[in-house]
N, C-alpha and C. Protein backbone atom coordinates (compact mmCIF):
# COMPACT_ATOMS: atom_id res chain seq x y z
N UNK A 1 0.98 -1.43 -0.11
CA UNK A 1 0.24 -0.35 0.33
C UNK A 1 1.15 1.51 0.18
N UNK A 2 2.37 1.30 0.63
CA UNK A 2 2.93 2.32 0.71
C UNK A 2 3.84 2.51 -0.47
N UNK A 3 3.82 1.09 -1.36
CA UNK A 3 4.63 1.60 -2.41
C UNK A 3 3.62 1.87 -3.69
N UNK A 4 2.26 1.60 -3.55
CA UNK A 4 1.47 2.07 -4.22
C UNK A 4 1.01 3.70 -4.17
N UNK A 5 0.89 4.11 -2.95
CA UNK A 5 1.04 5.61 -2.73
C UNK A 5 1.94 6.25 -2.79
N UNK A 6 3.03 5.75 -2.94
CA UNK A 6 4.33 6.71 -3.64
C UNK A 6 4.49 6.62 -5.04
N UNK A 7 4.32 5.51 -5.89
CA UNK A 7 3.93 5.51 -7.09
C UNK A 7 2.85 6.57 -7.83
N UNK A 8 1.88 6.93 -7.04
CA UNK A 8 1.02 7.49 -7.41
C UNK A 8 1.36 9.22 -7.07
N UNK A 9 2.00 9.23 -5.64
CA UNK A 9 2.68 10.42 -5.42
C UNK A 9 3.63 11.09 -6.73
N UNK A 10 4.49 10.13 -6.87
CA UNK A 10 5.80 10.44 -8.35
C UNK A 10 4.55 10.71 -9.43
N UNK A 11 3.53 9.88 -9.90
CA UNK A 11 3.14 10.10 -11.34
C UNK A 11 2.23 11.49 -11.02
N UNK A 12 1.76 11.88 -9.78
CA UNK A 12 1.01 13.35 -9.88
C UNK A 12 1.95 14.07 -9.65
N UNK A 13 2.81 14.16 -9.77
CA UNK A 13 3.50 15.20 -9.92
C UNK A 13 4.22 15.54 -11.55
N UNK A 14 3.88 14.43 -12.35
CA UNK A 14 3.90 14.66 -13.53
C UNK A 14 2.46 14.77 -14.50
N UNK A 15 1.54 14.36 -13.74
CA UNK A 15 -0.11 14.24 -14.50
C UNK A 15 -0.46 14.52 -13.24
N UNK A 16 -1.86 15.38 -13.79
CA UNK A 16 -2.97 15.83 -13.01
C UNK A 16 -3.83 14.93 -13.10
N UNK A 17 -4.09 14.67 -11.45
CA UNK A 17 -4.77 13.37 -11.21
C UNK A 17 -5.80 13.85 -10.16
N UNK A 18 -7.37 13.27 -10.51
CA UNK A 18 -8.55 13.76 -9.58
C UNK A 18 -8.22 12.86 -7.87
N UNK A 19 -8.34 14.13 -6.88
CA UNK A 19 -7.79 13.67 -5.81
C UNK A 19 -8.80 12.51 -5.12
N UNK A 20 -10.29 12.92 -5.48
CA UNK A 20 -11.24 11.90 -5.12
C UNK A 20 -11.15 10.35 -5.63
N UNK A 21 -10.19 10.34 -7.01
CA UNK A 21 -10.06 9.36 -7.28
C UNK A 21 -9.22 8.65 -7.00
N UNK A 22 -7.92 9.21 -6.36
CA UNK A 22 -6.92 8.53 -5.48
C UNK A 22 -7.42 8.12 -4.41
N UNK A 23 -8.11 9.13 -3.71
CA UNK A 23 -8.72 8.59 -2.14
C UNK A 23 -9.77 7.36 -2.49
N UNK A 24 -10.17 7.36 -3.27
CA UNK A 24 -11.40 6.11 -3.76
C UNK A 24 -10.44 4.87 -3.54
N UNK A 25 -9.52 4.85 -4.97
CA UNK A 25 -8.30 3.51 -4.80
C UNK A 25 -7.70 3.80 -3.78
N UNK A 26 -7.44 4.77 -3.12
CA UNK A 26 -6.32 4.36 -1.81
C UNK A 26 -7.55 3.39 -0.48
N UNK A 27 -8.88 3.91 -0.50
CA UNK A 27 -9.54 3.43 0.79
C UNK A 27 -10.27 2.02 -0.02
N UNK A 28 -10.61 2.25 -1.29
CA UNK A 28 -11.31 0.76 -1.80
C UNK A 28 -10.46 -0.20 -1.78
N UNK A 29 -9.34 -0.06 -2.28
CA UNK A 29 -7.70 -0.96 -3.04
C UNK A 29 -7.90 -1.55 -1.54
N UNK A 30 -7.29 -0.51 -0.38
CA UNK A 30 -7.02 -1.34 0.96
C UNK A 30 -8.32 -2.40 1.21
N UNK A 31 -9.27 -2.11 1.34
CA UNK A 31 -10.15 -2.93 1.60
C UNK A 31 -10.30 -4.49 0.31
N UNK A 32 -10.59 -3.91 -0.92
CA UNK A 32 -10.72 -5.28 -1.59
C UNK A 32 -9.45 -6.21 -1.55
N UNK A 33 -8.26 -5.58 -1.12
CA UNK A 33 -7.15 -6.80 -0.85
C UNK A 33 -6.87 -7.27 0.09
N UNK A 34 -7.70 -7.05 1.49
CA UNK A 34 -7.59 -7.43 2.18
C UNK A 34 -9.30 -8.14 2.60
N UNK A 35 -9.82 -8.12 1.55
CA UNK A 35 -11.46 -8.49 2.12
C UNK A 35 -11.44 -10.36 2.35
N UNK A 36 -10.51 -11.01 1.17
CA UNK A 36 -10.34 -12.40 1.19
C UNK A 36 -9.94 -12.84 2.56
N UNK A 37 -8.52 -12.49 3.11
CA UNK A 37 -8.08 -12.80 4.46
C UNK A 37 -9.16 -12.24 5.67
N UNK A 38 -10.24 -11.39 5.68
CA UNK A 38 -10.41 -11.28 6.74
C UNK A 38 -10.79 -12.31 7.95
N UNK A 39 -11.71 -13.53 7.03
CA UNK A 39 -11.99 -14.15 7.86
C UNK A 39 -10.74 -15.11 8.52
N UNK A 40 -9.32 -14.89 7.74
CA UNK A 40 -8.67 -16.18 8.58
C UNK A 40 -7.89 -15.31 9.87
N UNK A 41 -7.39 -16.27 10.51
CA UNK A 41 -7.17 -15.87 11.94
C UNK A 41 -6.17 -14.71 11.87
N UNK A 42 -5.51 -14.64 11.07
CA UNK A 42 -4.35 -13.22 11.10
C UNK A 42 -4.95 -12.24 9.83
N UNK A 43 -6.03 -12.34 9.20
CA UNK A 43 -6.53 -11.42 7.98
C UNK A 43 -7.28 -10.20 9.19
N UNK A 44 -7.78 -10.53 10.36
CA UNK A 44 -8.56 -9.85 10.79
C UNK A 44 -8.04 -8.16 11.26
N UNK A 45 -6.59 -8.36 11.71
CA UNK A 45 -5.94 -6.97 11.94
C UNK A 45 -6.01 -6.17 10.69
N UNK A 46 -5.69 -6.95 9.84
CA UNK A 46 -5.11 -6.12 8.08
C UNK A 46 -6.33 -5.66 7.81
N UNK A 47 -7.67 -6.15 7.78
CA UNK A 47 -9.10 -6.59 7.17
C UNK A 47 -9.20 -4.93 8.42
N UNK A 48 -9.17 -4.56 9.81
CA UNK A 48 -9.29 -3.64 10.38
C UNK A 48 -8.88 -2.71 10.05
N UNK A 49 -7.50 -2.95 9.81
CA UNK A 49 -6.72 -1.57 9.43
C UNK A 49 -7.16 -0.61 7.96
N UNK A 50 -7.45 -1.68 7.11
CA UNK A 50 -8.18 -1.31 5.68
C UNK A 50 -9.43 -0.70 5.95
N UNK A 51 -10.55 -1.11 7.03
CA UNK A 51 -11.50 -0.58 7.09
C UNK A 51 -11.26 1.19 8.04
N UNK A 52 -10.24 1.35 8.66
CA UNK A 52 -9.87 2.56 9.47
C UNK A 52 -9.17 3.46 7.88
N UNK A 53 -8.23 3.10 6.97
CA UNK A 53 -7.81 3.72 6.02
C UNK A 53 -9.06 4.36 5.27
N UNK A 54 -10.10 3.51 5.22
CA UNK A 54 -11.19 3.82 3.92
C UNK A 54 -12.14 4.87 5.01
N UNK A 55 -12.20 4.32 6.21
CA UNK A 55 -12.84 5.62 7.13
C UNK A 55 -12.28 7.08 6.74
N UNK A 56 -10.68 6.90 7.08
CA UNK A 56 -10.25 8.14 6.90
C UNK A 56 -9.97 8.75 5.49
N UNK A 57 -10.07 8.21 4.48
CA UNK A 57 -10.22 8.53 2.98
C UNK A 57 -11.56 9.04 2.76
N UNK A 58 -12.34 8.53 3.47
CA UNK A 58 -13.63 9.29 3.41
C UNK A 58 -13.86 10.63 3.87
N UNK A 59 -13.27 10.49 5.23
CA UNK A 59 -13.53 11.83 5.91
C UNK A 59 -12.84 12.97 5.16
N UNK A 60 -11.59 12.53 4.51
CA UNK A 60 -10.80 13.23 3.60
C UNK A 60 -11.51 13.89 2.55
N UNK A 61 -11.93 12.92 1.56
CA UNK A 61 -12.59 13.73 0.59
C UNK A 61 -14.04 14.10 1.25
N UNK A 62 -14.67 13.70 2.08
CA UNK A 62 -15.84 14.88 2.68
C UNK A 62 -14.95 16.52 3.00
N UNK A 63 -13.98 16.35 3.57
CA UNK A 63 -13.63 17.67 4.14
C UNK A 63 -13.14 18.55 2.64
N UNK A 64 -12.53 17.78 1.80
CA UNK A 64 -12.39 18.40 0.50
C UNK A 64 -13.34 18.96 -0.22
N UNK A 65 -14.90 18.18 -0.32
CA UNK A 65 -15.82 18.60 -0.71
C UNK A 65 -16.58 19.55 -0.22
N UNK A 66 -16.33 19.88 1.46
CA UNK A 66 -17.02 21.16 2.07
C UNK A 66 -16.33 21.95 1.48
N UNK A 67 -14.66 21.95 1.72
CA UNK A 67 -14.21 23.20 1.32
C UNK A 67 -14.37 23.86 -0.04
N UNK A 68 -14.38 22.79 -0.83
CA UNK A 68 -15.08 23.34 -2.39
C UNK A 68 -16.06 24.11 -2.47
N UNK A 69 -17.17 23.61 -1.71
CA UNK A 69 -18.34 23.87 -1.59
C UNK A 69 -18.55 25.58 -1.13
N UNK A 70 -17.87 25.40 -0.17
CA UNK A 70 -17.86 26.87 0.98
C UNK A 70 -16.95 28.05 -0.06
N UNK A 71 -15.86 27.26 -0.36
CA UNK A 71 -14.97 28.41 -1.10
C UNK A 71 -16.38 29.12 -2.60
N UNK A 72 -17.32 28.26 -3.34
CA UNK A 72 -17.66 28.37 -4.39
C UNK A 72 -18.84 28.81 -3.72
N UNK A 73 -19.49 28.88 -2.70
CA UNK A 73 -20.26 29.81 -2.24
C UNK A 73 -19.90 31.11 -2.10
N UNK A 74 -18.82 31.27 -1.44
CA UNK A 74 -18.30 32.61 -1.02
C UNK A 74 -18.16 33.43 -2.02
N UNK A 75 -17.50 32.90 -3.49
CA UNK A 75 -17.20 33.59 -4.47
C UNK A 75 -18.87 33.70 -4.76
N UNK A 76 -19.50 33.02 -5.00
CA UNK A 76 -21.06 33.77 -5.75
C UNK A 76 -21.74 34.54 -4.82
N UNK A 77 -21.50 34.55 -3.16
CA UNK A 77 -22.09 35.85 -2.78
C UNK A 77 -21.34 36.91 -3.11
N UNK A 78 -20.19 36.75 -3.48
CA UNK A 78 -19.18 38.30 -3.42
C UNK A 78 -19.73 38.42 -5.14
N UNK A 79 -19.66 37.93 -5.74
CA UNK A 79 -20.15 38.00 -7.00
C UNK A 79 -21.31 38.81 -7.26
N UNK A 80 -22.33 38.29 -6.37
CA UNK A 80 -23.85 38.91 -6.84
C UNK A 80 -24.36 39.78 -5.55
N UNK A 81 -22.72 40.51 -4.45
CA UNK A 81 -23.07 41.36 -3.79
C UNK A 81 -23.89 42.87 -3.95
N UNK A 82 -23.79 43.42 -5.36
CA UNK A 82 -23.87 44.48 -5.29
C UNK A 82 -25.76 44.54 -5.87
N UNK A 83 -26.35 42.89 -6.06
CA UNK A 83 -27.23 42.83 -6.37
C UNK A 83 -28.31 42.50 -4.96
N UNK A 84 -27.51 42.14 -3.90
CA UNK A 84 -28.52 41.63 -3.03
C UNK A 84 -29.17 42.55 -2.20
N UNK A 85 -29.85 42.30 -1.10
CA UNK A 85 -30.35 42.95 -0.39
C UNK A 85 -29.92 44.27 -0.07
N UNK A 86 -30.48 45.32 -0.27
CA UNK A 86 -29.67 46.83 0.25
C UNK A 86 -30.29 46.72 1.67
N UNK A 87 -29.16 47.58 2.23
CA UNK A 87 -29.68 47.90 3.54
C UNK A 87 -29.46 48.91 3.81
N UNK A 88 -30.58 50.15 4.47
CA UNK A 88 -30.53 51.67 4.87
C UNK A 88 -30.00 51.67 6.69
N UNK A 89 -29.13 52.03 6.92
CA UNK A 89 -29.22 52.21 8.67
C UNK A 89 -29.55 53.78 8.88
N UNK A 90 -30.23 53.74 9.35
CA UNK A 90 -30.80 54.91 10.19
C UNK A 90 -30.31 54.97 11.82
N UNK A 91 -29.92 56.14 12.46
CA UNK A 91 -29.14 56.57 13.42
C UNK A 91 -29.40 57.26 14.28
N UNK A 92 -29.57 57.51 15.53
CA UNK A 92 -29.43 58.78 16.32
C UNK A 92 -28.10 59.34 16.91
N UNK A 93 -27.16 58.61 16.38
CA UNK A 93 -26.04 59.00 16.78
C UNK A 93 -25.29 58.52 15.83
N UNK A 94 -23.80 59.33 15.26
CA UNK A 94 -22.87 58.92 14.46
C UNK A 94 -22.40 57.61 14.79
N UNK A 95 -22.16 56.50 13.56
CA UNK A 95 -22.23 55.32 13.53
C UNK A 95 -20.40 55.38 13.14
N UNK A 96 -19.89 54.41 13.22
CA UNK A 96 -18.73 54.39 12.49
C UNK A 96 -18.65 53.21 10.85
N UNK A 97 -19.54 53.47 10.44
CA UNK A 97 -19.63 52.42 9.03
C UNK A 97 -19.15 53.32 7.89
N UNK A 98 -18.33 52.63 7.13
CA UNK A 98 -17.46 53.45 6.43
C UNK A 98 -16.94 52.26 5.83
N UNK A 99 -16.38 51.87 4.75
CA UNK A 99 -16.09 51.31 3.55
C UNK A 99 -16.26 52.00 2.12
N UNK A 100 -15.88 51.05 0.96
CA UNK A 100 -16.28 50.90 -0.14
C UNK A 100 -17.75 51.10 -0.68
N UNK A 101 -17.77 52.31 -1.10
CA UNK A 101 -19.69 52.45 -1.71
C UNK A 101 -20.37 53.16 -0.64
N UNK A 102 -19.73 53.22 0.98
CA UNK A 102 -20.97 53.19 2.12
C UNK A 102 -20.48 54.95 2.06
N UNK A 103 -22.02 55.60 1.90
CA UNK A 103 -22.20 56.90 2.20
C UNK A 103 -23.03 57.26 3.44
N UNK A 104 -22.60 58.22 3.97
CA UNK A 104 -23.45 58.91 5.01
C UNK A 104 -23.81 60.14 4.91
N UNK A 105 -25.12 60.63 5.22
CA UNK A 105 -25.63 61.75 5.08
C UNK A 105 -26.29 62.17 6.39
N UNK A 106 -26.07 63.27 6.51
CA UNK A 106 -26.60 64.06 7.90
C UNK A 106 -28.17 64.62 8.05
N UNK A 107 -29.24 64.31 8.61
CA UNK A 107 -30.59 64.49 7.94
C UNK A 107 -30.98 65.78 8.99
N UNK A 108 -31.83 66.29 8.28
CA UNK A 108 -32.17 67.37 9.28
C UNK A 108 -32.55 67.56 11.06
N UNK A 109 -32.17 68.16 11.61
CA UNK A 109 -32.45 68.16 13.02
C UNK A 109 -33.88 67.56 13.37
N UNK A 110 -35.09 67.84 12.98
CA UNK A 110 -36.36 67.74 13.20
C UNK A 110 -36.46 66.32 12.84
N UNK A 111 -35.20 65.57 12.50
CA UNK A 111 -35.65 64.07 12.06
C UNK A 111 -35.62 63.15 13.50
N UNK A 112 -36.35 62.41 13.72
CA UNK A 112 -35.45 61.13 14.78
C UNK A 112 -34.49 60.66 14.64
N UNK A 113 -34.04 60.43 13.62
CA UNK A 113 -32.88 60.02 12.96
C UNK A 113 -32.07 61.13 12.28
N UNK A 114 -30.83 61.21 12.76
CA UNK A 114 -30.36 62.42 12.37
C UNK A 114 -29.12 62.01 11.57
N UNK A 115 -28.97 60.54 11.12
CA UNK A 115 -27.75 60.09 10.30
C UNK A 115 -28.28 58.68 9.23
N UNK A 116 -28.14 58.77 8.21
CA UNK A 116 -28.46 57.87 7.26
C UNK A 116 -27.26 57.03 6.39
N UNK A 117 -27.13 56.03 6.36
CA UNK A 117 -25.77 55.00 6.10
C UNK A 117 -26.57 54.41 4.93
N UNK A 118 -25.92 54.70 3.89
CA UNK A 118 -26.22 53.51 2.45
C UNK A 118 -24.84 53.00 1.69
N UNK A 119 -25.21 52.16 1.14
CA UNK A 119 -24.04 51.92 0.17
C UNK A 119 -23.61 50.32 1.03
N UNK A 120 -24.63 49.87 1.32
CA UNK A 120 -24.92 48.15 2.61
C UNK A 120 -25.52 47.12 1.80
N UNK A 121 -25.11 46.17 2.61
CA UNK A 121 -25.70 44.96 1.64
C UNK A 121 -26.03 44.04 2.77
N UNK A 122 -26.94 43.27 2.83
CA UNK A 122 -27.31 42.57 3.43
C UNK A 122 -26.59 40.88 3.41
N UNK A 123 -25.93 40.82 4.55
CA UNK A 123 -25.07 39.36 4.51
C UNK A 123 -25.98 38.09 4.77
N UNK A 124 -26.37 38.27 6.29
CA UNK A 124 -27.61 37.34 7.11
C UNK A 124 -28.48 38.15 7.84
N UNK A 125 -29.41 37.65 8.60
CA UNK A 125 -30.19 38.45 9.91
C UNK A 125 -30.57 37.31 10.43
N UNK A 126 -30.32 37.34 11.35
CA UNK A 126 -30.90 36.19 12.48
C UNK A 126 -31.77 37.58 13.76
N UNK A 127 -33.13 37.60 14.04
CA UNK A 127 -33.49 38.87 14.46
C UNK A 127 -33.31 39.18 15.86
N UNK A 128 -33.11 40.21 16.39
CA UNK A 128 -32.81 41.48 15.88
C UNK A 128 -31.42 41.92 15.26
N UNK A 129 -30.46 40.86 14.96
CA UNK A 129 -28.97 41.00 14.72
C UNK A 129 -28.91 40.97 12.98
N UNK A 130 -28.20 41.92 12.57
CA UNK A 130 -28.01 42.12 11.19
C UNK A 130 -26.34 42.31 10.66
N UNK A 131 -26.19 41.24 9.42
CA UNK A 131 -24.83 41.23 9.46
C UNK A 131 -24.86 41.93 8.23
N UNK A 132 -23.71 42.82 8.28
CA UNK A 132 -23.88 43.75 6.71
C UNK A 132 -22.69 44.07 6.36
N UNK A 133 -22.62 44.39 5.10
CA UNK A 133 -21.07 44.33 4.62
C UNK A 133 -21.47 45.64 3.62
N UNK A 134 -20.36 46.32 2.93
CA UNK A 134 -20.14 47.50 2.28
C UNK A 134 -20.66 47.10 0.69
N UNK A 135 -21.30 47.52 0.05
CA UNK A 135 -21.34 47.43 -1.47
C UNK A 135 -20.43 46.91 -2.42
N UNK A 136 -19.62 47.45 -2.17
CA UNK A 136 -18.29 47.08 -3.33
C UNK A 136 -17.10 46.22 -2.10
N UNK A 137 -17.59 45.54 -1.14
CA UNK A 137 -16.97 44.76 -0.01
C UNK A 137 -15.78 43.85 -0.99
N UNK A 138 -14.81 43.52 -0.84
CA UNK A 138 -14.11 42.50 -1.45
C UNK A 138 -12.99 41.88 -0.51
N UNK A 139 -12.26 41.03 -0.49
CA UNK A 139 -11.88 40.14 0.51
C UNK A 139 -10.37 40.68 0.90
N UNK A 140 -9.76 41.43 0.55
CA UNK A 140 -8.61 42.53 1.07
C UNK A 140 -9.60 43.59 1.88
N UNK A 141 -11.04 43.90 1.87
CA UNK A 141 -11.50 44.58 3.07
C UNK A 141 -12.52 43.87 3.92
N UNK A 142 -12.05 43.11 4.77
CA UNK A 142 -12.58 41.73 5.48
C UNK A 142 -13.13 42.51 6.52
N UNK A 143 -14.35 43.57 6.58
CA UNK A 143 -14.99 44.33 7.52
C UNK A 143 -16.46 43.66 7.05
N UNK A 144 -17.03 43.27 8.52
CA UNK A 144 -18.77 42.87 8.51
C UNK A 144 -19.26 43.99 9.50
N UNK A 145 -20.18 44.49 9.57
CA UNK A 145 -21.15 45.17 10.59
C UNK A 145 -21.65 44.57 11.35
N UNK A 146 -21.91 44.65 12.32
CA UNK A 146 -22.85 43.55 13.12
C UNK A 146 -24.01 44.52 13.96
N UNK A 147 -25.07 44.71 13.40
CA UNK A 147 -25.86 45.74 13.95
C UNK A 147 -27.34 45.21 14.61
N UNK A 148 -27.64 45.47 15.95
CA UNK A 148 -28.91 45.33 16.02
C UNK A 148 -30.01 46.30 16.27
N UNK A 149 -31.05 45.92 15.65
CA UNK A 149 -31.88 47.03 15.59
C UNK A 149 -32.49 47.50 17.22
N UNK A 150 -32.40 48.80 17.27
CA UNK A 150 -33.30 49.29 18.32
C UNK A 150 -33.82 50.66 18.21
N UNK A 151 -34.02 51.38 19.71
CA UNK A 151 -34.65 52.57 19.53
C UNK A 151 -33.40 53.52 18.78
N UNK A 152 -32.19 53.50 19.13
CA UNK A 152 -31.13 54.36 18.56
C UNK A 152 -30.46 54.21 16.78
N UNK A 153 -31.06 52.93 16.50
CA UNK A 153 -30.89 52.37 15.36
C UNK A 153 -31.83 51.58 14.70
N UNK A 154 -32.33 52.47 13.28
CA UNK A 154 -33.36 51.68 12.21
C UNK A 154 -32.76 51.29 11.21
N UNK A 155 -32.90 49.90 11.01
CA UNK A 155 -32.72 49.40 9.86
C UNK A 155 -33.49 49.04 8.39
N UNK A 156 -33.29 49.28 7.62
CA UNK A 156 -34.64 49.00 6.26
C UNK A 156 -33.73 48.26 5.21
N UNK A 157 -34.91 47.48 4.84
CA UNK A 157 -33.86 46.77 3.80
C UNK A 157 -34.70 46.38 2.82
N UNK A 158 -34.38 46.85 1.47
CA UNK A 158 -34.61 46.70 0.43
C UNK A 158 -34.14 45.97 -0.74
N UNK A 159 -34.64 46.11 -2.04
CA UNK A 159 -34.61 44.90 -2.93
C UNK A 159 -32.98 45.58 -3.29
N UNK A 160 -32.09 44.82 -3.69
CA UNK A 160 -30.93 45.02 -4.13
C UNK A 160 -30.40 46.08 -5.31
N UNK A 161 -30.23 47.15 -4.92
CA UNK A 161 -29.60 48.14 -6.07
C UNK A 161 -30.23 49.46 -5.85
N UNK A 162 -31.19 49.22 -4.62
CA UNK A 162 -32.32 50.39 -4.77
C UNK A 162 -31.78 51.62 -3.72
N UNK A 163 -31.80 52.78 -3.60
CA UNK A 163 -31.55 53.68 -2.56
C UNK A 163 -32.78 54.25 -2.35
N UNK A 164 -32.57 54.65 -1.01
CA UNK A 164 -33.91 54.81 -0.36
C UNK A 164 -33.77 56.82 -0.37
N UNK A 165 -35.14 57.11 -0.83
CA UNK A 165 -35.23 58.51 -0.86
C UNK A 165 -35.96 59.60 0.33
N UNK A 166 -36.28 58.45 1.55
CA UNK A 166 -36.86 58.81 2.56
C UNK A 166 -35.71 59.79 3.66
């Protein structure tokens, strides 16, 4: 099994190989090789070891799939951020919301809320907490604003790309 792993590693340096295929061959191959001797007196140990190798390969493949799925979902979120749910934040006191595409407007004193922040997009909401990103967010600007709706802060959610005029 070690020799097979070394040969596959050597081949992989010259040829592009599918990781899932290698893990399947490694886990499944060990099971197939030890299957006939599993009932023999000394075959139980090698078969048990093959089951462990197969389980580790399965977990490894699952971790690789989860990482690829998460990366793909994150890239799609960033790509679609300008079209996602727009957020307008009204506040009685100045907040330190800034970032690419974020604008702040001071409202007339007669309004209950004195500041309006636009250019924000909703990442996720869990009532009453909102996780918000700047509209022009990129991975190098790794900030997420976490706001709770309260008497001092009002949060409006609008369809993507819409700016509030109120």
